[in-house]
Amino acid sequence: MIVFLRAGAYIKLVTIRFITQRVIIRDSILTLAPTLGYEVSELRLDIDVILADIASGKITEVFGCSTAAVVSPVGTLHYKEKDYVINQNQTGDVAKHLYDQLTGIQYGRIEDTFGWIETL
């Protein structure tokens, strides 16, 4: 699963070192998000920085993506015997927006302006 963090209007893709293959859903989010008004950057962050930003309220949303899950919110991170609750365990606006847009394109409810859908 690829992990995204939201801090204000910015979405940050956290690169995980062992992911080397191209992931279509990741690429789709990186393409789609800017067209919806989100600024996306890719970076490596230390877990301690992420947890401090969650605790301070700087990071307000965390979600993952995968081919099977599309977009899946993360409500709690558990690390070293401590729980870090994100957005009161609720699905965030960005995760919901991206999920709705991606599945809308997949199922033909939203026009595919990217050329992703091919009719067989």
PDB file of N, CA and C in Angstrom:
ATOM      1  N   MET A   1       0.849  -1.175   0.000  1.00  0.00           N
ATOM      2  CA  MET A   1       0.000   0.000   0.000  1.00  0.00           C
ATOM      3  C   MET A   1       0.892   1.235   0.000  1.00  0.00           C
ATOM      4  N   ILE A   2       0.494   2.226  -0.780  1.00  0.00           N
ATOM      5  CA  ILE A   2       1.190   3.496  -0.864  1.00  0.00           C
ATOM      6  C   ILE A   2       0.512   4.449   0.118  1.00  0.00           C
ATOM      7  N   VAL A   3       1.286   5.238   0.866  1.00  0.00           N
ATOM      8  CA  VAL A   3       0.729   6.075   1.924  1.00  0.00           C
ATOM      9  C   VAL A   3       0.801   7.555   1.542  1.00  0.00           C
ATOM     10  N   PHE A   4      -0.320   8.254   1.764  1.00  0.00           N
ATOM     11  CA  PHE A   4      -0.405   9.692   1.537  1.00  0.00           C
ATOM     12  C   PHE A   4      -0.752  10.376   2.850  1.00  0.00           C
ATOM     13  N   LEU A   5      -0.209  11.567   3.065  1.00  0.00           N
ATOM     14  CA  LEU A   5      -0.495  12.380   4.247  1.00  0.00           C
ATOM     15  C   LEU A   5      -1.064  13.710   3.773  1.00  0.00           C
ATOM     16  N   ARG A   6      -2.006  14.259   4.530  1.00  0.00           N
ATOM     17  CA  ARG A   6      -2.544  15.573   4.192  1.00  0.00           C
ATOM     18  C   ARG A   6      -2.175  16.559   5.288  1.00  0.00           C
ATOM     19  N   ALA A   7      -1.606  17.668   4.877  1.00  0.00           N
ATOM     20  CA  ALA A   7      -1.311  18.781   5.783  1.00  0.00           C
ATOM     21  C   ALA A   7      -1.827  20.035   5.101  1.00  0.00           C
ATOM     22  N   GLY A   8      -2.959  20.535   5.556  1.00  0.00           N
ATOM     23  CA  GLY A   8      -3.584  21.688   4.906  1.00  0.00           C
ATOM     24  C   GLY A   8      -4.047  21.322   3.512  1.00  0.00           C
ATOM     25  N   ALA A   9      -3.679  22.126   2.531  1.00  0.00           N
ATOM     26  CA  ALA A   9      -4.075  21.875   1.148  1.00  0.00           C
ATOM     27  C   ALA A   9      -3.080  20.980   0.419  1.00  0.00           C
ATOM     28  N   TYR A  10      -2.059  20.543   1.117  1.00  0.00           N
ATOM     29  CA  TYR A  10      -1.008  19.757   0.485  1.00  0.00           C
ATOM     30  C   TYR A  10      -1.198  18.274   0.762  1.00  0.00           C
ATOM     31  N   ILE A  11      -0.953  17.466  -0.256  1.00  0.00           N
ATOM     32  CA  ILE A  11      -0.941  16.017  -0.097  1.00  0.00           C
ATOM     33  C   ILE A  11       0.501  15.580  -0.293  1.00  0.00           C
ATOM     34  N   LYS A  12       1.000  14.795   0.634  1.00  0.00           N
ATOM     35  CA  LYS A  12       2.377  14.329   0.541  1.00  0.00           C
ATOM     36  C   LYS A  12       2.378  12.816   0.372  1.00  0.00           C
ATOM     37  N   LEU A  13       3.029  12.356  -0.671  1.00  0.00           N
ATOM     38  CA  LEU A  13       3.200  10.932  -0.895  1.00  0.00           C
ATOM     39  C   LEU A  13       4.464  10.520  -0.176  1.00  0.00           C
ATOM     40  N   VAL A  14       4.326   9.612   0.753  1.00  0.00           N
ATOM     41  CA  VAL A  14       5.485   9.138   1.500  1.00  0.00           C
ATOM     42  C   VAL A  14       6.065   7.943   0.755  1.00  0.00           C
ATOM     43  N   THR A  15       7.290   8.083   0.302  1.00  0.00           N
ATOM     44  CA  THR A  15       7.942   7.011  -0.427  1.00  0.00           C
ATOM     45  C   THR A  15       8.452   5.959   0.546  1.00  0.00           C
ATOM     46  N   ILE A  16       8.101   4.740   0.258  1.00  0.00           N
ATOM     47  CA  ILE A  16       8.576   3.615   1.056  1.00  0.00           C
ATOM     48  C   ILE A  16       9.656   2.920   0.234  1.00  0.00           C
ATOM     49  N   ARG A  17      10.824   2.772   0.794  1.00  0.00           N
ATOM     50  CA  ARG A  17      12.001   2.324   0.046  1.00  0.00           C
ATOM     51  C   ARG A  17      11.819   1.012  -0.709  1.00  0.00           C
ATOM     52  N   PHE A  18      11.050   0.064  -0.165  1.00  0.00           N
ATOM     53  CA  PHE A  18      10.981  -1.247  -0.797  1.00  0.00           C
ATOM     54  C   PHE A  18       9.988  -1.301  -1.963  1.00  0.00           C
ATOM     55  N   ILE A  19       9.286  -0.229  -2.239  1.00  0.00           N
ATOM     56  CA  ILE A  19       8.354  -0.221  -3.363  1.00  0.00           C
ATOM     57  C   ILE A  19       9.121   0.236  -4.594  1.00  0.00           C
ATOM     58  N   THR A  20       9.337  -0.688  -5.507  1.00  0.00           N
ATOM     59  CA  THR A  20      10.124  -0.367  -6.688  1.00  0.00           C
ATOM     60  C   THR A  20       9.308  -0.452  -7.967  1.00  0.00           C
ATOM     61  N   GLN A  21       8.230  -1.234  -7.973  1.00  0.00           N
ATOM     62  CA  GLN A  21       7.453  -1.372  -9.193  1.00  0.00           C
ATOM     63  C   GLN A  21       6.469  -0.216  -9.353  1.00  0.00           C
ATOM     64  N   ARG A  22       6.069   0.002 -10.567  1.00  0.00           N
ATOM     65  CA  ARG A  22       5.079   1.044 -10.857  1.00  0.00           C
ATOM     66  C   ARG A  22       3.728   0.585 -10.329  1.00  0.00           C
ATOM     67  N   VAL A  23       3.038   1.463  -9.643  1.00  0.00           N
ATOM     68  CA  VAL A  23       1.721   1.150  -9.094  1.00  0.00           C
ATOM     69  C   VAL A  23       0.721   2.069  -9.790  1.00  0.00           C
ATOM     70  N   ILE A  24      -0.216   1.484 -10.521  1.00  0.00           N
ATOM     71  CA  ILE A  24      -1.138   2.268 -11.340  1.00  0.00           C
ATOM     72  C   ILE A  24      -1.974   3.222 -10.502  1.00  0.00           C
ATOM     73  N   ILE A  25      -2.500   2.765  -9.374  1.00  0.00           N
ATOM     74  CA  ILE A  25      -3.365   3.636  -8.568  1.00  0.00           C
ATOM     75  C   ILE A  25      -2.572   4.825  -8.018  1.00  0.00           C
ATOM     76  N   ARG A  26      -1.321   4.606  -7.676  1.00  0.00           N
ATOM     77  CA  ARG A  26      -0.449   5.700  -7.214  1.00  0.00           C
ATOM     78  C   ARG A  26      -0.308   6.737  -8.314  1.00  0.00           C
ATOM     79  N   ASP A  27       0.010   6.257  -9.515  1.00  0.00           N
ATOM     80  CA  ASP A  27       0.166   7.162 -10.649  1.00  0.00           C
ATOM     81  C   ASP A  27      -1.139   7.903 -10.946  1.00  0.00           C
ATOM     82  N   SER A  28      -2.260   7.205 -10.800  1.00  0.00           N
ATOM     83  CA  SER A  28      -3.568   7.824 -11.046  1.00  0.00           C
ATOM     84  C   SER A  28      -3.825   8.954 -10.053  1.00  0.00           C
ATOM     85  N   ILE A  29      -3.523   8.724  -8.784  1.00  0.00           N
ATOM     86  CA  ILE A  29      -3.724   9.769  -7.770  1.00  0.00           C
ATOM     87  C   ILE A  29      -2.791  10.951  -8.020  1.00  0.00           C
ATOM     88  N   LEU A  30      -1.538  10.669  -8.377  1.00  0.00           N
ATOM     89  CA  LEU A  30      -0.591  11.753  -8.651  1.00  0.00           C
ATOM     90  C   LEU A  30      -1.017  12.579  -9.866  1.00  0.00           C
ATOM     91  N   THR A  31      -1.718  11.961 -10.809  1.00  0.00           N
ATOM     92  CA  THR A  31      -2.226  12.665 -11.986  1.00  0.00           C
ATOM     93  C   THR A  31      -3.524  13.396 -11.679  1.00  0.00           C
ATOM     94  N   LEU A  32      -4.438  12.731 -10.972  1.00  0.00           N
ATOM     95  CA  LEU A  32      -5.770  13.271 -10.706  1.00  0.00           C
ATOM     96  C   LEU A  32      -5.774  14.405  -9.679  1.00  0.00           C
ATOM     97  N   ALA A  33      -5.034  14.238  -8.590  1.00  0.00           N
ATOM     98  CA  ALA A  33      -5.101  15.184  -7.469  1.00  0.00           C
ATOM     99  C   ALA A  33      -4.865  16.639  -7.882  1.00  0.00           C
ATOM    100  N   PRO A  34      -3.850  16.951  -8.692  1.00  0.00           N
ATOM    101  CA  PRO A  34      -3.652  18.353  -9.078  1.00  0.00           C
ATOM    102  C   PRO A  34      -4.827  18.930  -9.881  1.00  0.00           C
ATOM    103  N   THR A  35      -5.518  18.088 -10.648  1.00  0.00           N
ATOM    104  CA  THR A  35      -6.665  18.581 -11.420  1.00  0.00           C
ATOM    105  C   THR A  35      -7.850  18.899 -10.517  1.00  0.00           C
ATOM    106  N   LEU A  36      -7.815  18.404  -9.284  1.00  0.00           N
ATOM    107  CA  LEU A  36      -8.868  18.675  -8.308  1.00  0.00           C
ATOM    108  C   LEU A  36      -8.470  19.790  -7.341  1.00  0.00           C
ATOM    109  N   GLY A  37      -7.294  20.401  -7.586  1.00  0.00           N
ATOM    110  CA  GLY A  37      -6.862  21.528  -6.769  1.00  0.00           C
ATOM    111  C   GLY A  37      -5.916  21.181  -5.637  1.00  0.00           C
ATOM    112  N   TYR A  38      -5.445  19.937  -5.584  1.00  0.00           N
ATOM    113  CA  TYR A  38      -4.512  19.537  -4.525  1.00  0.00           C
ATOM    114  C   TYR A  38      -3.082  19.613  -5.039  1.00  0.00           C
ATOM    115  N   GLU A  39      -2.194  20.106  -4.202  1.00  0.00           N
ATOM    116  CA  GLU A  39      -0.771  20.107  -4.526  1.00  0.00           C
ATOM    117  C   GLU A  39      -0.168  18.833  -3.951  1.00  0.00           C
ATOM    118  N   VAL A  40       0.540  18.091  -4.786  1.00  0.00           N
ATOM    119  CA  VAL A  40       1.088  16.807  -4.366  1.00  0.00           C
ATOM    120  C   VAL A  40       2.605  16.842  -4.483  1.00  0.00           C
ATOM    121  N   SER A  41       3.289  16.348  -3.454  1.00  0.00           N
ATOM    122  CA  SER A  41       4.737  16.199  -3.519  1.00  0.00           C
ATOM    123  C   SER A  41       5.099  14.818  -3.002  1.00  0.00           C
ATOM    124  N   GLU A  42       6.225  14.326  -3.472  1.00  0.00           N
ATOM    125  CA  GLU A  42       6.698  13.007  -3.062  1.00  0.00           C
ATOM    126  C   GLU A  42       7.957  13.188  -2.224  1.00  0.00           C
ATOM    127  N   LEU A  43       7.977  12.566  -1.060  1.00  0.00           N
ATOM    128  CA  LEU A  43       9.118  12.737  -0.175  1.00  0.00           C
ATOM    129  C   LEU A  43       9.258  11.551   0.768  1.00  0.00           C
ATOM    130  N   ARG A  44      10.405  11.494   1.392  1.00  0.00           N
ATOM    131  CA  ARG A  44      10.645  10.511   2.454  1.00  0.00           C
ATOM    132  C   ARG A  44      10.592  11.245   3.778  1.00  0.00           C
ATOM    133  N   LEU A  45       9.824  10.696   4.714  1.00  0.00           N
ATOM    134  CA  LEU A  45       9.722  11.299   6.039  1.00  0.00           C
ATOM    135  C   LEU A  45      10.048  10.263   7.093  1.00  0.00           C
ATOM    136  N   ASP A  46      10.674  10.701   8.133  1.00  0.00           N
ATOM    137  CA  ASP A  46      10.956   9.853   9.281  1.00  0.00           C
ATOM    138  C   ASP A  46       9.659   9.635  10.059  1.00  0.00           C
ATOM    139  N   ILE A  47       9.451   8.447  10.575  1.00  0.00           N
ATOM    140  CA  ILE A  47       8.228   8.140  11.319  1.00  0.00           C
ATOM    141  C   ILE A  47       8.045   9.082  12.504  1.00  0.00           C
ATOM    142  N   ASP A  48       9.122   9.493  13.142  1.00  0.00           N
ATOM    143  CA  ASP A  48       9.001  10.404  14.286  1.00  0.00           C
ATOM    144  C   ASP A  48       8.455  11.770  13.862  1.00  0.00           C
ATOM    145  N   VAL A  49       8.822  12.232  12.678  1.00  0.00           N
ATOM    146  CA  VAL A  49       8.295  13.494  12.148  1.00  0.00           C
ATOM    147  C   VAL A  49       6.804  13.341  11.852  1.00  0.00           C
ATOM    148  N   ILE A  50       6.431  12.241  11.229  1.00  0.00           N
ATOM    149  CA  ILE A  50       5.019  11.988  10.916  1.00  0.00           C
ATOM    150  C   ILE A  50       4.189  11.961  12.191  1.00  0.00           C
ATOM    151  N   LEU A  51       4.650  11.229  13.193  1.00  0.00           N
ATOM    152  CA  LEU A  51       3.886  11.105  14.437  1.00  0.00           C
ATOM    153  C   LEU A  51       3.785  12.439  15.173  1.00  0.00           C
ATOM    154  N   ALA A  52       4.859  13.213  15.172  1.00  0.00           N
ATOM    155  CA  ALA A  52       4.820  14.538  15.810  1.00  0.00           C
ATOM    156  C   ALA A  52       3.832  15.451  15.087  1.00  0.00           C
ATOM    157  N   ASP A  53       3.796  15.366  13.766  1.00  0.00           N
ATOM    158  CA  ASP A  53       2.864  16.194  12.995  1.00  0.00           C
ATOM    159  C   ASP A  53       1.417  15.753  13.183  1.00  0.00           C
ATOM    160  N   ILE A  54       1.181  14.471  13.393  1.00  0.00           N
ATOM    161  CA  ILE A  54      -0.174  14.000  13.716  1.00  0.00           C
ATOM    162  C   ILE A  54      -0.568  14.514  15.095  1.00  0.00           C
ATOM    163  N   ALA A  55       0.335  14.360  16.057  1.00  0.00           N
ATOM    164  CA  ALA A  55       0.049  14.782  17.437  1.00  0.00           C
ATOM    165  C   ALA A  55      -0.220  16.288  17.528  1.00  0.00           C
ATOM    166  N   SER A  56       0.485  17.079  16.723  1.00  0.00           N
ATOM    167  CA  SER A  56       0.308  18.536  16.765  1.00  0.00           C
ATOM    168  C   SER A  56      -0.900  19.007  15.957  1.00  0.00           C
ATOM    169  N   GLY A  57      -1.450  18.122  15.154  1.00  0.00           N
ATOM    170  CA  GLY A  57      -2.582  18.496  14.310  1.00  0.00           C
ATOM    171  C   GLY A  57      -2.188  19.011  12.942  1.00  0.00           C
ATOM    172  N   LYS A  58      -0.889  19.045  12.657  1.00  0.00           N
ATOM    173  CA  LYS A  58      -0.429  19.506  11.344  1.00  0.00           C
ATOM    174  C   LYS A  58      -0.886  18.538  10.246  1.00  0.00           C
ATOM    175  N   ILE A  59      -0.736  17.246  10.500  1.00  0.00           N
ATOM    176  CA  ILE A  59      -1.262  16.238   9.575  1.00  0.00           C
ATOM    177  C   ILE A  59      -2.680  15.928  10.014  1.00  0.00           C
ATOM    178  N   THR A  60      -3.627  16.177   9.117  1.00  0.00           N
ATOM    179  CA  THR A  60      -5.041  16.016   9.459  1.00  0.00           C
ATOM    180  C   THR A  60      -5.687  14.812   8.792  1.00  0.00           C
ATOM    181  N   GLU A  61      -4.951  14.162   7.911  1.00  0.00           N
ATOM    182  CA  GLU A  61      -5.530  13.032   7.193  1.00  0.00           C
ATOM    183  C   GLU A  61      -4.412  12.126   6.701  1.00  0.00           C
ATOM    184  N   VAL A  62      -4.639  10.825   6.783  1.00  0.00           N
ATOM    185  CA  VAL A  62      -3.715   9.839   6.244  1.00  0.00           C
ATOM    186  C   VAL A  62      -4.558   8.817   5.499  1.00  0.00           C
ATOM    187  N   PHE A  63      -4.122   8.453   4.308  1.00  0.00           N
ATOM    188  CA  PHE A  63      -4.821   7.405   3.580  1.00  0.00           C
ATOM    189  C   PHE A  63      -3.824   6.641   2.733  1.00  0.00           C
ATOM    190  N   GLY A  64      -4.182   5.434   2.413  1.00  0.00           N
ATOM    191  CA  GLY A  64      -3.351   4.598   1.573  1.00  0.00           C
ATOM    192  C   GLY A  64      -4.073   4.312   0.277  1.00  0.00           C
ATOM    193  N   CYS A  65      -3.346   3.782  -0.675  1.00  0.00           N
ATOM    194  CA  CYS A  65      -3.986   3.368  -1.914  1.00  0.00           C
ATOM    195  C   CYS A  65      -3.360   2.061  -2.364  1.00  0.00           C
ATOM    196  N   SER A  66      -4.166   1.266  -2.994  1.00  0.00           N
ATOM    197  CA  SER A  66      -3.707   0.026  -3.602  1.00  0.00           C
ATOM    198  C   SER A  66      -4.704  -0.333  -4.685  1.00  0.00           C
ATOM    199  N   THR A  67      -4.327  -1.245  -5.545  1.00  0.00           N
ATOM    200  CA  THR A  67      -5.212  -1.633  -6.633  1.00  0.00           C
ATOM    201  C   THR A  67      -6.526  -2.176  -6.095  1.00  0.00           C
ATOM    202  N   ALA A  68      -6.479  -2.984  -5.060  1.00  0.00           N
ATOM    203  CA  ALA A  68      -7.700  -3.587  -4.515  1.00  0.00           C
ATOM    204  C   ALA A  68      -8.526  -2.596  -3.700  1.00  0.00           C
ATOM    205  N   ALA A  69      -7.881  -1.769  -2.905  1.00  0.00           N
ATOM    206  CA  ALA A  69      -8.600  -0.877  -1.984  1.00  0.00           C
ATOM    207  C   ALA A  69      -8.942   0.474  -2.608  1.00  0.00           C
ATOM    208  N   VAL A  70      -8.346   0.823  -3.712  1.00  0.00           N
ATOM    209  CA  VAL A  70      -8.429   2.134  -4.357  1.00  0.00           C
ATOM    210  C   VAL A  70      -7.870   3.174  -3.384  1.00  0.00           C
ATOM    211  N   VAL A  71      -8.702   3.757  -2.529  1.00  0.00           N
ATOM    212  CA  VAL A  71      -8.253   4.703  -1.503  1.00  0.00           C
ATOM    213  C   VAL A  71      -8.845   4.249  -0.181  1.00  0.00           C
ATOM    214  N   SER A  72      -7.994   4.090   0.815  1.00  0.00           N
ATOM    215  CA  SER A  72      -8.451   3.596   2.115  1.00  0.00           C
ATOM    216  C   SER A  72      -7.932   4.510   3.227  1.00  0.00           C
ATOM    217  N   PRO A  73      -8.843   5.112   4.013  1.00  0.00           N
ATOM    218  CA  PRO A  73      -8.411   6.008   5.085  1.00  0.00           C
ATOM    219  C   PRO A  73      -7.706   5.252   6.211  1.00  0.00           C
ATOM    220  N   VAL A  74      -6.789   5.932   6.865  1.00  0.00           N
ATOM    221  CA  VAL A  74      -6.112   5.399   8.049  1.00  0.00           C
ATOM    222  C   VAL A  74      -6.621   6.209   9.233  1.00  0.00           C
ATOM    223  N   GLY A  75      -7.256   5.540  10.191  1.00  0.00           N
ATOM    224  CA  GLY A  75      -7.825   6.228  11.346  1.00  0.00           C
ATOM    225  C   GLY A  75      -6.883   6.309  12.526  1.00  0.00           C
ATOM    226  N   THR A  76      -6.024   5.295  12.672  1.00  0.00           N
ATOM    227  CA  THR A  76      -5.106   5.250  13.805  1.00  0.00           C
ATOM    228  C   THR A  76      -3.793   4.618  13.370  1.00  0.00           C
ATOM    229  N   LEU A  77      -2.700   5.218  13.772  1.00  0.00           N
ATOM    230  CA  LEU A  77      -1.385   4.599  13.639  1.00  0.00           C
ATOM    231  C   LEU A  77      -0.962   4.148  15.026  1.00  0.00           C
ATOM    232  N   HIS A  78      -0.520   2.915  15.131  1.00  0.00           N
ATOM    233  CA  HIS A  78      -0.049   2.394  16.410  1.00  0.00           C
ATOM    234  C   HIS A  78       1.456   2.196  16.282  1.00  0.00           C
ATOM    235  N   TYR A  79       2.214   2.837  17.157  1.00  0.00           N
ATOM    236  CA  TYR A  79       3.668   2.770  17.088  1.00  0.00           C
ATOM    237  C   TYR A  79       4.232   2.826  18.497  1.00  0.00           C
ATOM    238  N   LYS A  80       5.083   1.874  18.812  1.00  0.00           N
ATOM    239  CA  LYS A  80       5.739   1.801  20.122  1.00  0.00           C
ATOM    240  C   LYS A  80       4.739   1.953  21.268  1.00  0.00           C
ATOM    241  N   GLU A  81       3.717   1.124  21.238  1.00  0.00           N
ATOM    242  CA  GLU A  81       2.714   1.047  22.318  1.00  0.00           C
ATOM    243  C   GLU A  81       1.857   2.299  22.468  1.00  0.00           C
ATOM    244  N   LYS A  82       1.841   3.160  21.449  1.00  0.00           N
ATOM    245  CA  LYS A  82       1.026   4.367  21.520  1.00  0.00           C
ATOM    246  C   LYS A  82       0.163   4.476  20.265  1.00  0.00           C
ATOM    247  N   ASP A  83      -1.087   4.902  20.458  1.00  0.00           N
ATOM    248  CA  ASP A  83      -1.993   5.129  19.338  1.00  0.00           C
ATOM    249  C   ASP A  83      -1.994   6.605  18.956  1.00  0.00           C
ATOM    250  N   TYR A  84      -1.926   6.863  17.676  1.00  0.00           N
ATOM    251  CA  TYR A  84      -2.009   8.209  17.121  1.00  0.00           C
ATOM    252  C   TYR A  84      -3.275   8.257  16.272  1.00  0.00           C
ATOM    253  N   VAL A  85      -4.313   8.870  16.805  1.00  0.00           N
ATOM    254  CA  VAL A  85      -5.608   8.925  16.128  1.00  0.00           C
ATOM    255  C   VAL A  85      -5.612  10.090  15.144  1.00  0.00           C
ATOM    256  N   ILE A  86      -6.068   9.802  13.943  1.00  0.00           N
ATOM    257  CA  ILE A  86      -6.085  10.789  12.871  1.00  0.00           C
ATOM    258  C   ILE A  86      -7.537  11.114  12.524  1.00  0.00           C
ATOM    259  N   ASN A  87      -7.879  12.382  12.527  1.00  0.00           N
ATOM    260  CA  ASN A  87      -9.205  12.847  12.117  1.00  0.00           C
ATOM    261  C   ASN A  87     -10.328  12.113  12.858  1.00  0.00           C
ATOM    262  N   GLN A  88     -10.121  11.854  14.124  1.00  0.00           N
ATOM    263  CA  GLN A  88     -11.106  11.190  14.986  1.00  0.00           C
ATOM    264  C   GLN A  88     -11.599   9.877  14.380  1.00  0.00           C
ATOM    265  N   ASN A  89     -10.695   9.163  13.705  1.00  0.00           N
ATOM    266  CA  ASN A  89     -10.999   7.886  13.049  1.00  0.00           C
ATOM    267  C   ASN A  89     -12.044   8.012  11.947  1.00  0.00           C
ATOM    268  N   GLN A  90     -12.185   9.191  11.384  1.00  0.00           N
ATOM    269  CA  GLN A  90     -13.172   9.418  10.320  1.00  0.00           C
ATOM    270  C   GLN A  90     -12.460   9.521   8.965  1.00  0.00           C
ATOM    271  N   THR A  91     -13.170   9.151   7.922  1.00  0.00           N
ATOM    272  CA  THR A  91     -12.650   9.323   6.568  1.00  0.00           C
ATOM    273  C   THR A  91     -12.505  10.813   6.285  1.00  0.00           C
ATOM    274  N   GLY A  92     -11.352  11.203   5.781  1.00  0.00           N
ATOM    275  CA  GLY A  92     -11.108  12.610   5.484  1.00  0.00           C
ATOM    276  C   GLY A  92     -11.688  13.035   4.146  1.00  0.00           C
ATOM    277  N   ASP A  93     -11.809  14.337   3.975  1.00  0.00           N
ATOM    278  CA  ASP A  93     -12.384  14.905   2.753  1.00  0.00           C
ATOM    279  C   ASP A  93     -11.591  14.532   1.499  1.00  0.00           C
ATOM    280  N   VAL A  94     -10.266  14.565   1.588  1.00  0.00           N
ATOM    281  CA  VAL A  94      -9.441  14.286   0.414  1.00  0.00           C
ATOM    282  C   VAL A  94      -9.568  12.822   0.013  1.00  0.00           C
ATOM    283  N   ALA A  95      -9.475  11.914   0.971  1.00  0.00           N
ATOM    284  CA  ALA A  95      -9.612  10.486   0.659  1.00  0.00           C
ATOM    285  C   ALA A  95     -10.959  10.209   0.002  1.00  0.00           C
ATOM    286  N   LYS A  96     -12.019  10.768   0.562  1.00  0.00           N
ATOM    287  CA  LYS A  96     -13.358  10.554  -0.003  1.00  0.00           C
ATOM    288  C   LYS A  96     -13.458  11.150  -1.401  1.00  0.00           C
ATOM    289  N   HIS A  97     -12.935  12.356  -1.578  1.00  0.00           N
ATOM    290  CA  HIS A  97     -12.980  13.019  -2.880  1.00  0.00           C
ATOM    291  C   HIS A  97     -12.239  12.195  -3.936  1.00  0.00           C
ATOM    292  N   LEU A  98     -11.026  11.756  -3.611  1.00  0.00           N
ATOM    293  CA  LEU A  98     -10.243  10.964  -4.563  1.00  0.00           C
ATOM    294  C   LEU A  98     -10.908   9.623  -4.853  1.00  0.00           C
ATOM    295  N   TYR A  99     -11.422   8.966  -3.817  1.00  0.00           N
ATOM    296  CA  TYR A  99     -12.120   7.684  -4.009  1.00  0.00           C
ATOM    297  C   TYR A  99     -13.322   7.870  -4.939  1.00  0.00           C
ATOM    298  N   ASP A 100     -14.135   8.877  -4.661  1.00  0.00           N
ATOM    299  CA  ASP A 100     -15.325   9.125  -5.476  1.00  0.00           C
ATOM    300  C   ASP A 100     -14.956   9.428  -6.930  1.00  0.00           C
ATOM    301  N   GLN A 101     -13.914  10.207  -7.131  1.00  0.00           N
ATOM    302  CA  GLN A 101     -13.492  10.552  -8.491  1.00  0.00           C
ATOM    303  C   GLN A 101     -12.947   9.330  -9.232  1.00  0.00           C
ATOM    304  N   LEU A 102     -12.066   8.574  -8.575  1.00  0.00           N
ATOM    305  CA  LEU A 102     -11.468   7.405  -9.228  1.00  0.00           C
ATOM    306  C   LEU A 102     -12.508   6.343  -9.557  1.00  0.00           C
ATOM    307  N   THR A 103     -13.370   6.022  -8.607  1.00  0.00           N
ATOM    308  CA  THR A 103     -14.391   5.001  -8.881  1.00  0.00           C
ATOM    309  C   THR A 103     -15.435   5.537  -9.859  1.00  0.00           C
ATOM    310  N   GLY A 104     -15.693   6.835  -9.824  1.00  0.00           N
ATOM    311  CA  GLY A 104     -16.598   7.431 -10.804  1.00  0.00           C
ATOM    312  C   GLY A 104     -16.077   7.266 -12.223  1.00  0.00           C
ATOM    313  N   ILE A 105     -14.788   7.471 -12.413  1.00  0.00           N
ATOM    314  CA  ILE A 105     -14.168   7.261 -13.726  1.00  0.00           C
ATOM    315  C   ILE A 105     -14.223   5.781 -14.093  1.00  0.00           C
ATOM    316  N   GLN A 106     -13.878   4.904 -13.148  1.00  0.00           N
ATOM    317  CA  GLN A 106     -13.886   3.460 -13.411  1.00  0.00           C
ATOM    318  C   GLN A 106     -15.249   2.970 -13.882  1.00  0.00           C
ATOM    319  N   TYR A 107     -16.302   3.463 -13.252  1.00  0.00           N
ATOM    320  CA  TYR A 107     -17.653   2.976 -13.538  1.00  0.00           C
ATOM    321  C   TYR A 107     -18.417   3.847 -14.530  1.00  0.00           C
ATOM    322  N   GLY A 108     -17.757   4.829 -15.131  1.00  0.00           N
ATOM    323  CA  GLY A 108     -18.372   5.628 -16.169  1.00  0.00           C
ATOM    324  C   GLY A 108     -19.328   6.708 -15.683  1.00  0.00           C
ATOM    325  N   ARG A 109     -19.347   6.986 -14.391  1.00  0.00           N
ATOM    326  CA  ARG A 109     -20.204   8.051 -13.855  1.00  0.00           C
ATOM    327  C   ARG A 109     -19.574   9.428 -14.053  1.00  0.00           C
ATOM    328  N   ILE A 110     -18.249   9.437 -14.215  1.00  0.00           N
ATOM    329  CA  ILE A 110     -17.495  10.672 -14.428  1.00  0.00           C
ATOM    330  C   ILE A 110     -16.689  10.490 -15.708  1.00  0.00           C
ATOM    331  N   GLU A 111     -16.670  11.512 -16.533  1.00  0.00           N
ATOM    332  CA  GLU A 111     -15.950  11.433 -17.798  1.00  0.00           C
ATOM    333  C   GLU A 111     -14.457  11.182 -17.557  1.00  0.00           C
ATOM    334  N   ASP A 112     -13.898  10.270 -18.336  1.00  0.00           N
ATOM    335  CA  ASP A 112     -12.471   9.966 -18.275  1.00  0.00           C
ATOM    336  C   ASP A 112     -11.729  10.916 -19.208  1.00  0.00           C
ATOM    337  N   THR A 113     -11.209  11.991 -18.658  1.00  0.00           N
ATOM    338  CA  THR A 113     -10.473  12.969 -19.467  1.00  0.00           C
ATOM    339  C   THR A 113      -8.994  12.609 -19.590  1.00  0.00           C
ATOM    340  N   PHE A 114      -8.590  11.496 -18.978  1.00  0.00           N
ATOM    341  CA  PHE A 114      -7.185  11.088 -18.967  1.00  0.00           C
ATOM    342  C   PHE A 114      -6.874   9.977 -19.969  1.00  0.00           C
ATOM    343  N   GLY A 115      -7.902   9.370 -20.552  1.00  0.00           N
ATOM    344  CA  GLY A 115      -7.689   8.257 -21.478  1.00  0.00           C
ATOM    345  C   GLY A 115      -7.335   6.960 -20.776  1.00  0.00           C
ATOM    346  N   TRP A 116      -7.798   6.795 -19.532  1.00  0.00           N
ATOM    347  CA  TRP A 116      -7.478   5.595 -18.760  1.00  0.00           C
ATOM    348  C   TRP A 116      -8.371   4.404 -19.112  1.00  0.00           C
ATOM    349  N   ILE A 117      -9.613   4.662 -19.486  1.00  0.00           N
ATOM    350  CA  ILE A 117     -10.585   3.590 -19.699  1.00  0.00           C
ATOM    351  C   ILE A 117     -10.540   3.134 -21.152  1.00  0.00           C
ATOM    352  N   GLU A 118     -10.457   1.822 -21.334  1.00  0.00           N
ATOM    353  CA  GLU A 118     -10.503   1.238 -22.669  1.00  0.00           C
ATOM    354  C   GLU A 118     -11.653   0.253 -22.722  1.00  0.00           C
ATOM    355  N   THR A 119     -12.485   0.388 -23.734  1.00  0.00           N
ATOM    356  CA  THR A 119     -13.605  -0.526 -23.917  1.00  0.00           C
ATOM    357  C   THR A 119     -13.103  -1.757 -24.648  1.00  0.00           C
ATOM    358  N   LEU A 120     -13.439  -2.910 -24.101  1.00  0.00           N
ATOM    359  CA  LEU A 120     -13.019  -4.167 -24.733  1.00  0.00           C
ATOM    360  C   LEU A 120     -14.152  -4.756 -25.529  1.00  0.00           C
TER     361      LEU A 120
END
